[in-house]
Amino acid sequence: MWKKTMLTILATALCTLPCSAQQQKGKASFYSRRLDGAKTASGERLYNDSLVCAHRTHPFGTLLLVVNPANGREVVVRVIDRGPYGRGRIIDLSQRAAKELGILQQGIAPVLVEPYYDTVSPLKPDDDELPEIDTAVVLPDSSIVPAWQRTD
């Protein structure tokens, strides 16, 4: 009985944790330029100009928001690789992502990382602006006869 109560309390606590509980603080590094075109753990190729990263635990394809607290810059990257395995490092960024954050000169910099959930749907129309659908049926015109059917 007490186990069931404890499990219920634990499940309730986990479900009510704020999103910031998934936020990580640590150091970020970035891939070498020489790795441009190399295959990653996901099988996808790494390109210096893409906004991608390596993370130890997040599933491939997860979007992560990375913030540089020193200058307030932020970037959204997609997980395509595993790592980094250096002490204190939580994420490896592509060259472009590091440039966007302003950490190329430093090499390693403190960052905040959290999952990015895009709630905006750019393709969903506003409720007031529903598209008008033309449902008219067009019947073939009997006066138009293909050349191969003409008898003149």
N, C-alpha and C. Protein backbone atom coordinates (compact mmCIF):
# COMPACT_ATOMS: atom_id res chain seq x y z
N MET A 1 0.82 -1.20 0.00
CA MET A 1 0.00 0.00 0.00
C MET A 1 0.86 1.25 0.00
N TRP A 2 1.87 1.28 0.88
CA TRP A 2 2.71 2.47 0.96
C TRP A 2 3.52 2.67 -0.31
N LYS A 3 3.86 1.54 -1.02
CA LYS A 3 4.60 1.65 -2.28
C LYS A 3 3.75 2.35 -3.34
N LYS A 4 2.46 1.97 -3.37
CA LYS A 4 1.56 2.57 -4.34
C LYS A 4 1.41 4.07 -4.08
N THR A 5 1.31 4.45 -2.81
CA THR A 5 1.19 5.86 -2.44
C THR A 5 2.45 6.63 -2.82
N MET A 6 3.60 6.03 -2.56
CA MET A 6 4.87 6.68 -2.89
C MET A 6 5.01 6.86 -4.41
N LEU A 7 4.61 5.83 -5.17
CA LEU A 7 4.67 5.92 -6.62
C LEU A 7 3.75 7.02 -7.14
N THR A 8 2.58 7.14 -6.56
CA THR A 8 1.64 8.17 -6.96
C THR A 8 2.21 9.57 -6.69
N ILE A 9 2.81 9.73 -5.52
CA ILE A 9 3.41 11.02 -5.15
C ILE A 9 4.56 11.35 -6.10
N LEU A 10 5.40 10.36 -6.38
CA LEU A 10 6.53 10.57 -7.27
C LEU A 10 6.07 10.91 -8.69
N ALA A 11 5.07 10.18 -9.19
CA ALA A 11 4.56 10.45 -10.53
C ALA A 11 3.96 11.85 -10.62
N THR A 12 3.24 12.27 -9.58
CA THR A 12 2.65 13.60 -9.56
C THR A 12 3.74 14.66 -9.55
N ALA A 13 4.78 14.45 -8.78
CA ALA A 13 5.88 15.41 -8.70
C ALA A 13 6.59 15.53 -10.05
N LEU A 14 6.81 14.41 -10.71
CA LEU A 14 7.49 14.44 -12.00
C LEU A 14 6.65 15.12 -13.07
N CYS A 15 5.35 14.92 -13.02
CA CYS A 15 4.47 15.51 -14.04
C CYS A 15 4.30 17.01 -13.85
N THR A 16 4.53 17.50 -12.65
CA THR A 16 4.34 18.93 -12.40
C THR A 16 5.63 19.71 -12.42
N LEU A 17 6.75 19.09 -12.77
CA LEU A 17 8.01 19.81 -12.85
C LEU A 17 7.95 20.83 -13.98
N PRO A 18 8.49 22.02 -13.77
CA PRO A 18 8.50 23.01 -14.85
C PRO A 18 9.46 22.60 -15.94
N CYS A 19 9.28 23.21 -17.14
CA CYS A 19 10.14 22.89 -18.28
C CYS A 19 11.59 23.19 -18.00
N SER A 20 11.85 24.18 -17.12
CA SER A 20 13.22 24.56 -16.85
C SER A 20 13.98 23.46 -16.11
N ALA A 21 13.26 22.46 -15.59
CA ALA A 21 13.93 21.35 -14.91
C ALA A 21 14.77 20.55 -15.90
N GLN A 22 14.47 20.66 -17.19
CA GLN A 22 15.24 19.95 -18.21
C GLN A 22 16.40 20.80 -18.71
N GLN A 23 16.55 21.99 -18.16
CA GLN A 23 17.62 22.88 -18.59
C GLN A 23 18.96 22.38 -18.03
N GLN A 24 19.97 22.40 -18.87
CA GLN A 24 21.30 21.99 -18.46
C GLN A 24 22.24 23.18 -18.53
N LYS A 25 23.16 23.25 -17.58
CA LYS A 25 24.21 24.26 -17.60
C LYS A 25 25.53 23.52 -17.74
N GLY A 26 26.38 24.03 -18.60
CA GLY A 26 27.68 23.40 -18.78
C GLY A 26 28.46 24.10 -19.87
N LYS A 27 29.49 23.42 -20.32
CA LYS A 27 30.36 24.00 -21.33
C LYS A 27 30.03 23.45 -22.71
N ALA A 28 30.15 24.32 -23.70
CA ALA A 28 29.94 23.92 -25.10
C ALA A 28 31.27 24.03 -25.83
N SER A 29 31.48 23.09 -26.71
CA SER A 29 32.61 23.16 -27.63
C SER A 29 32.04 23.03 -29.03
N PHE A 30 32.90 23.04 -30.04
CA PHE A 30 32.39 22.91 -31.40
C PHE A 30 33.30 22.03 -32.23
N TYR A 31 32.73 21.49 -33.30
CA TYR A 31 33.45 20.59 -34.19
C TYR A 31 34.56 21.32 -34.94
N SER A 32 35.59 20.60 -35.25
CA SER A 32 36.68 21.11 -36.07
C SER A 32 36.21 21.28 -37.51
N ARG A 33 36.77 22.24 -38.21
CA ARG A 33 36.43 22.45 -39.63
C ARG A 33 36.79 21.21 -40.47
N ARG A 34 37.79 20.47 -40.03
CA ARG A 34 38.23 19.29 -40.79
C ARG A 34 37.17 18.20 -40.86
N LEU A 35 36.18 18.24 -39.96
CA LEU A 35 35.15 17.19 -39.94
C LEU A 35 34.00 17.47 -40.90
N ASP A 36 34.10 18.53 -41.68
CA ASP A 36 33.04 18.86 -42.65
C ASP A 36 32.80 17.68 -43.59
N GLY A 37 31.57 17.19 -43.63
CA GLY A 37 31.20 16.07 -44.48
C GLY A 37 31.35 14.71 -43.82
N ALA A 38 31.84 14.66 -42.59
CA ALA A 38 32.02 13.38 -41.89
C ALA A 38 30.67 12.83 -41.44
N LYS A 39 30.57 11.49 -41.40
CA LYS A 39 29.34 10.86 -40.92
C LYS A 39 29.27 10.95 -39.40
N THR A 40 28.06 11.16 -38.90
CA THR A 40 27.84 11.24 -37.46
C THR A 40 27.22 9.94 -36.97
N ALA A 41 26.96 9.86 -35.68
CA ALA A 41 26.38 8.65 -35.09
C ALA A 41 24.99 8.35 -35.65
N SER A 42 24.27 9.36 -36.11
CA SER A 42 22.94 9.15 -36.67
C SER A 42 22.99 8.69 -38.12
N GLY A 43 24.18 8.75 -38.73
CA GLY A 43 24.33 8.40 -40.14
C GLY A 43 24.26 9.62 -41.04
N GLU A 44 23.84 10.73 -40.48
CA GLU A 44 23.76 11.98 -41.23
C GLU A 44 25.16 12.60 -41.31
N ARG A 45 25.42 13.34 -42.35
CA ARG A 45 26.72 13.98 -42.51
C ARG A 45 26.73 15.35 -41.82
N LEU A 46 27.86 15.68 -41.26
CA LEU A 46 28.05 16.96 -40.57
C LEU A 46 28.59 17.98 -41.56
N TYR A 47 27.95 19.12 -41.63
CA TYR A 47 28.42 20.22 -42.47
C TYR A 47 28.61 21.46 -41.61
N ASN A 48 29.70 22.18 -41.85
CA ASN A 48 30.05 23.34 -41.02
C ASN A 48 28.97 24.42 -41.01
N ASP A 49 28.21 24.54 -42.09
CA ASP A 49 27.22 25.62 -42.18
C ASP A 49 25.83 25.23 -41.68
N SER A 50 25.68 24.04 -41.11
CA SER A 50 24.36 23.62 -40.61
C SER A 50 24.24 23.90 -39.12
N LEU A 51 23.02 24.01 -38.64
CA LEU A 51 22.75 24.25 -37.22
C LEU A 51 22.45 22.92 -36.55
N VAL A 52 23.49 22.18 -36.22
CA VAL A 52 23.36 20.85 -35.62
C VAL A 52 24.30 20.73 -34.43
N CYS A 53 24.13 19.62 -33.69
CA CYS A 53 24.96 19.43 -32.50
C CYS A 53 25.08 17.95 -32.14
N ALA A 54 25.94 17.69 -31.16
CA ALA A 54 26.07 16.38 -30.56
C ALA A 54 25.66 16.51 -29.10
N HIS A 55 24.84 15.56 -28.64
CA HIS A 55 24.41 15.54 -27.24
C HIS A 55 24.40 14.10 -26.78
N ARG A 56 24.71 13.87 -25.53
CA ARG A 56 24.83 12.49 -25.02
C ARG A 56 23.49 11.77 -24.87
N THR A 57 22.43 12.48 -24.49
CA THR A 57 21.19 11.78 -24.13
C THR A 57 19.98 12.09 -24.99
N HIS A 58 19.88 13.28 -25.53
CA HIS A 58 18.67 13.62 -26.31
C HIS A 58 18.61 12.79 -27.59
N PRO A 59 17.42 12.32 -27.97
CA PRO A 59 17.27 11.52 -29.19
C PRO A 59 17.66 12.32 -30.44
N PHE A 60 18.09 11.59 -31.46
CA PHE A 60 18.41 12.23 -32.74
C PHE A 60 17.18 12.96 -33.25
N GLY A 61 17.39 14.14 -33.80
CA GLY A 61 16.29 14.93 -34.33
C GLY A 61 15.70 15.92 -33.35
N THR A 62 16.04 15.80 -32.06
CA THR A 62 15.52 16.73 -31.06
C THR A 62 16.07 18.13 -31.30
N LEU A 63 15.20 19.11 -31.20
CA LEU A 63 15.63 20.51 -31.31
C LEU A 63 16.00 21.02 -29.92
N LEU A 64 17.16 21.65 -29.82
CA LEU A 64 17.63 22.19 -28.54
C LEU A 64 17.88 23.68 -28.68
N LEU A 65 17.48 24.42 -27.67
CA LEU A 65 17.76 25.85 -27.60
C LEU A 65 19.04 26.00 -26.79
N VAL A 66 20.05 26.62 -27.39
CA VAL A 66 21.33 26.84 -26.71
C VAL A 66 21.50 28.34 -26.52
N VAL A 67 21.76 28.76 -25.28
CA VAL A 67 21.88 30.18 -24.95
C VAL A 67 23.27 30.44 -24.40
N ASN A 68 23.90 31.50 -24.89
CA ASN A 68 25.18 31.96 -24.35
C ASN A 68 24.86 33.04 -23.32
N PRO A 69 24.96 32.74 -22.02
CA PRO A 69 24.57 33.73 -21.00
C PRO A 69 25.49 34.96 -20.98
N ALA A 70 26.69 34.85 -21.52
CA ALA A 70 27.63 35.97 -21.51
C ALA A 70 27.16 37.12 -22.40
N ASN A 71 26.51 36.79 -23.54
CA ASN A 71 26.07 37.84 -24.45
C ASN A 71 24.58 37.78 -24.78
N GLY A 72 23.87 36.77 -24.28
CA GLY A 72 22.43 36.67 -24.51
C GLY A 72 22.04 36.07 -25.85
N ARG A 73 23.01 35.72 -26.67
CA ARG A 73 22.69 35.13 -27.97
C ARG A 73 22.17 33.72 -27.79
N GLU A 74 21.28 33.32 -28.72
CA GLU A 74 20.72 31.97 -28.66
C GLU A 74 20.58 31.40 -30.06
N VAL A 75 20.55 30.07 -30.13
CA VAL A 75 20.42 29.38 -31.41
C VAL A 75 19.68 28.06 -31.16
N VAL A 76 18.90 27.65 -32.15
CA VAL A 76 18.21 26.36 -32.08
C VAL A 76 18.97 25.39 -32.98
N VAL A 77 19.38 24.25 -32.40
CA VAL A 77 20.14 23.25 -33.13
C VAL A 77 19.42 21.90 -33.07
N ARG A 78 19.76 21.02 -34.01
CA ARG A 78 19.16 19.69 -34.07
C ARG A 78 20.23 18.66 -33.72
N VAL A 79 19.87 17.69 -32.88
CA VAL A 79 20.80 16.65 -32.44
C VAL A 79 20.99 15.63 -33.55
N ILE A 80 22.26 15.44 -34.01
CA ILE A 80 22.55 14.44 -35.04
C ILE A 80 23.71 13.53 -34.65
N ASP A 81 24.30 13.77 -33.46
CA ASP A 81 25.49 13.01 -33.08
C ASP A 81 25.50 12.79 -31.57
N ARG A 82 26.38 11.92 -31.12
CA ARG A 82 26.56 11.64 -29.70
C ARG A 82 27.85 12.28 -29.22
N GLY A 83 27.86 12.65 -27.98
CA GLY A 83 29.03 13.29 -27.38
C GLY A 83 28.57 14.60 -26.80
N PRO A 84 29.44 15.42 -26.35
CA PRO A 84 30.88 15.26 -26.21
C PRO A 84 31.20 14.44 -24.97
N TYR A 85 32.38 13.93 -24.94
CA TYR A 85 32.78 13.10 -23.81
C TYR A 85 33.86 13.76 -22.98
N GLY A 86 34.18 15.02 -23.28
CA GLY A 86 35.13 15.78 -22.47
C GLY A 86 34.51 16.20 -21.16
N ARG A 87 35.30 16.27 -20.12
CA ARG A 87 34.81 16.58 -18.78
C ARG A 87 34.17 17.97 -18.73
N GLY A 88 32.96 18.03 -18.21
CA GLY A 88 32.25 19.29 -18.05
C GLY A 88 31.54 19.79 -19.29
N ARG A 89 31.74 19.14 -20.41
CA ARG A 89 31.09 19.59 -21.64
C ARG A 89 29.75 18.88 -21.80
N ILE A 90 28.74 19.65 -22.22
CA ILE A 90 27.41 19.06 -22.38
C ILE A 90 26.95 19.03 -23.82
N ILE A 91 27.61 19.79 -24.70
CA ILE A 91 27.16 19.84 -26.09
C ILE A 91 28.33 20.21 -27.01
N ASP A 92 28.34 19.59 -28.19
CA ASP A 92 29.27 19.95 -29.27
C ASP A 92 28.44 20.60 -30.36
N LEU A 93 28.84 21.77 -30.81
CA LEU A 93 28.09 22.52 -31.80
C LEU A 93 28.79 22.52 -33.15
N SER A 94 28.02 22.73 -34.20
CA SER A 94 28.60 22.93 -35.52
C SER A 94 29.28 24.30 -35.55
N GLN A 95 30.12 24.54 -36.54
CA GLN A 95 30.81 25.82 -36.67
C GLN A 95 29.82 26.99 -36.74
N ARG A 96 28.76 26.82 -37.54
CA ARG A 96 27.80 27.91 -37.69
C ARG A 96 27.07 28.21 -36.38
N ALA A 97 26.69 27.16 -35.65
CA ALA A 97 26.00 27.37 -34.37
C ALA A 97 26.92 28.10 -33.39
N ALA A 98 28.20 27.71 -33.36
CA ALA A 98 29.16 28.38 -32.49
C ALA A 98 29.33 29.84 -32.89
N LYS A 99 29.32 30.11 -34.19
CA LYS A 99 29.43 31.48 -34.68
C LYS A 99 28.23 32.31 -34.26
N GLU A 100 27.02 31.71 -34.39
CA GLU A 100 25.79 32.41 -34.00
C GLU A 100 25.81 32.77 -32.52
N LEU A 101 26.41 31.91 -31.69
CA LEU A 101 26.48 32.16 -30.25
C LEU A 101 27.65 33.07 -29.88
N GLY A 102 28.56 33.28 -30.81
CA GLY A 102 29.71 34.13 -30.54
C GLY A 102 30.78 33.47 -29.71
N ILE A 103 30.98 32.15 -29.89
CA ILE A 103 31.98 31.45 -29.08
C ILE A 103 33.13 30.89 -29.91
N LEU A 104 33.22 31.25 -31.18
CA LEU A 104 34.30 30.73 -32.03
C LEU A 104 35.68 31.12 -31.51
N GLN A 105 35.83 32.33 -31.02
CA GLN A 105 37.13 32.80 -30.53
C GLN A 105 37.53 32.12 -29.22
N GLN A 106 36.54 31.78 -28.39
CA GLN A 106 36.82 31.19 -27.09
C GLN A 106 37.17 29.71 -27.19
N GLY A 107 36.52 29.02 -28.08
CA GLY A 107 36.72 27.57 -28.20
C GLY A 107 35.77 26.79 -27.32
N ILE A 108 35.76 27.09 -26.05
CA ILE A 108 34.85 26.45 -25.09
C ILE A 108 34.19 27.58 -24.30
N ALA A 109 32.86 27.49 -24.12
CA ALA A 109 32.15 28.55 -23.41
C ALA A 109 31.00 27.98 -22.60
N PRO A 110 30.64 28.62 -21.50
CA PRO A 110 29.48 28.17 -20.72
C PRO A 110 28.18 28.48 -21.46
N VAL A 111 27.26 27.53 -21.45
CA VAL A 111 25.97 27.69 -22.13
C VAL A 111 24.85 27.10 -21.29
N LEU A 112 23.63 27.45 -21.67
CA LEU A 112 22.42 26.83 -21.13
C LEU A 112 21.77 26.08 -22.28
N VAL A 113 21.35 24.84 -22.03
CA VAL A 113 20.73 24.01 -23.08
C VAL A 113 19.41 23.49 -22.57
N GLU A 114 18.37 23.62 -23.41
CA GLU A 114 17.06 23.05 -23.05
C GLU A 114 16.33 22.66 -24.33
N PRO A 115 15.41 21.70 -24.23
CA PRO A 115 14.64 21.29 -25.41
C PRO A 115 13.83 22.48 -25.94
N TYR A 116 13.72 22.55 -27.26
CA TYR A 116 12.98 23.63 -27.91
C TYR A 116 11.70 23.05 -28.48
N TYR A 117 10.59 23.61 -28.04
CA TYR A 117 9.29 23.15 -28.52
C TYR A 117 8.66 24.27 -29.33
N ASP A 118 8.52 24.05 -30.62
CA ASP A 118 7.94 25.04 -31.51
C ASP A 118 6.43 24.88 -31.49
N THR A 119 5.73 25.85 -30.93
CA THR A 119 4.27 25.75 -30.83
C THR A 119 3.56 26.53 -31.92
N VAL A 120 4.30 27.24 -32.75
CA VAL A 120 3.70 28.04 -33.82
C VAL A 120 3.59 27.18 -35.07
N SER A 121 2.40 27.17 -35.66
CA SER A 121 2.19 26.44 -36.90
C SER A 121 1.97 27.45 -38.02
N PRO A 122 2.99 27.68 -38.86
CA PRO A 122 2.84 28.72 -39.87
C PRO A 122 1.85 28.38 -40.97
N LEU A 123 1.47 27.13 -41.10
CA LEU A 123 0.56 26.74 -42.18
C LEU A 123 -0.90 26.74 -41.75
N LYS A 124 -1.16 26.87 -40.46
CA LYS A 124 -2.53 26.86 -39.98
C LYS A 124 -3.14 28.25 -40.17
N PRO A 125 -4.24 28.35 -40.92
CA PRO A 125 -4.86 29.68 -41.14
C PRO A 125 -5.57 30.16 -39.88
N ASP A 126 -5.74 31.48 -39.77
CA ASP A 126 -6.52 32.03 -38.67
C ASP A 126 -7.97 31.59 -38.82
N ASP A 127 -8.68 31.51 -37.71
CA ASP A 127 -10.08 31.08 -37.75
C ASP A 127 -10.95 32.02 -38.57
N ASP A 128 -10.59 33.31 -38.58
CA ASP A 128 -11.38 34.30 -39.33
C ASP A 128 -11.12 34.22 -40.83
N GLU A 129 -9.97 33.69 -41.21
CA GLU A 129 -9.56 33.70 -42.61
C GLU A 129 -9.53 32.30 -43.21
N LEU A 130 -10.66 31.64 -43.23
CA LEU A 130 -10.71 30.32 -43.83
C LEU A 130 -10.71 30.45 -45.35
N PRO A 131 -9.99 29.60 -46.03
CA PRO A 131 -9.94 29.72 -47.49
C PRO A 131 -11.28 29.35 -48.13
N GLU A 132 -11.56 30.01 -49.24
CA GLU A 132 -12.78 29.72 -49.97
C GLU A 132 -12.50 28.58 -50.94
N ILE A 133 -13.33 27.58 -50.93
CA ILE A 133 -13.12 26.41 -51.78
C ILE A 133 -14.12 26.44 -52.92
N ASP A 134 -13.63 26.32 -54.15
CA ASP A 134 -14.49 26.31 -55.33
C ASP A 134 -14.88 24.87 -55.60
N THR A 135 -16.17 24.59 -55.48
CA THR A 135 -16.66 23.22 -55.67
C THR A 135 -17.43 23.06 -56.97
N ALA A 136 -17.28 24.00 -57.89
CA ALA A 136 -18.01 23.93 -59.16
C ALA A 136 -17.53 22.74 -59.98
N VAL A 137 -18.46 22.09 -60.65
CA VAL A 137 -18.14 20.95 -61.50
C VAL A 137 -18.08 21.43 -62.94
N VAL A 138 -17.00 21.13 -63.60
CA VAL A 138 -16.84 21.54 -65.00
C VAL A 138 -17.09 20.31 -65.87
N LEU A 139 -18.10 20.41 -66.72
CA LEU A 139 -18.43 19.32 -67.62
C LEU A 139 -17.73 19.54 -68.95
N PRO A 140 -17.34 18.48 -69.61
CA PRO A 140 -16.66 18.65 -70.90
C PRO A 140 -17.61 19.29 -71.92
N ASP A 141 -17.06 20.15 -72.74
CA ASP A 141 -17.83 20.83 -73.79
C ASP A 141 -17.93 19.88 -74.98
N SER A 142 -19.16 19.61 -75.40
CA SER A 142 -19.36 18.64 -76.49
C SER A 142 -18.95 19.21 -77.85
N SER A 143 -18.78 20.53 -77.92
CA SER A 143 -18.40 21.12 -79.21
C SER A 143 -16.91 20.95 -79.49
N ILE A 144 -16.15 20.60 -78.47
CA ILE A 144 -14.72 20.39 -78.67
C ILE A 144 -14.49 18.91 -78.92
N VAL A 145 -14.00 18.62 -80.12
CA VAL A 145 -13.76 17.22 -80.50
C VAL A 145 -12.29 17.08 -80.84
N PRO A 146 -11.61 16.11 -80.30
CA PRO A 146 -10.21 15.92 -80.64
C PRO A 146 -10.04 15.68 -82.14
N ALA A 147 -8.88 16.07 -82.66
CA ALA A 147 -8.60 15.98 -84.10
C ALA A 147 -8.71 14.54 -84.59
N TRP A 148 -8.37 13.58 -83.82
CA TRP A 148 -8.40 12.20 -84.29
C TRP A 148 -9.83 11.64 -84.36
N GLN A 149 -10.81 12.36 -83.75
CA GLN A 149 -12.20 11.90 -83.81
C GLN A 149 -13.03 12.66 -84.84
N ARG A 150 -12.46 13.70 -85.45
CA ARG A 150 -13.23 14.49 -86.41
C ARG A 150 -13.44 13.71 -87.69
N THR A 151 -14.61 13.95 -88.26
CA THR A 151 -14.96 13.25 -89.51
C THR A 151 -15.02 14.19 -90.71
N ASP A 152 -14.63 15.48 -90.56
CA ASP A 152 -14.75 16.38 -91.70
C ASP A 152 -13.81 16.12 -92.78
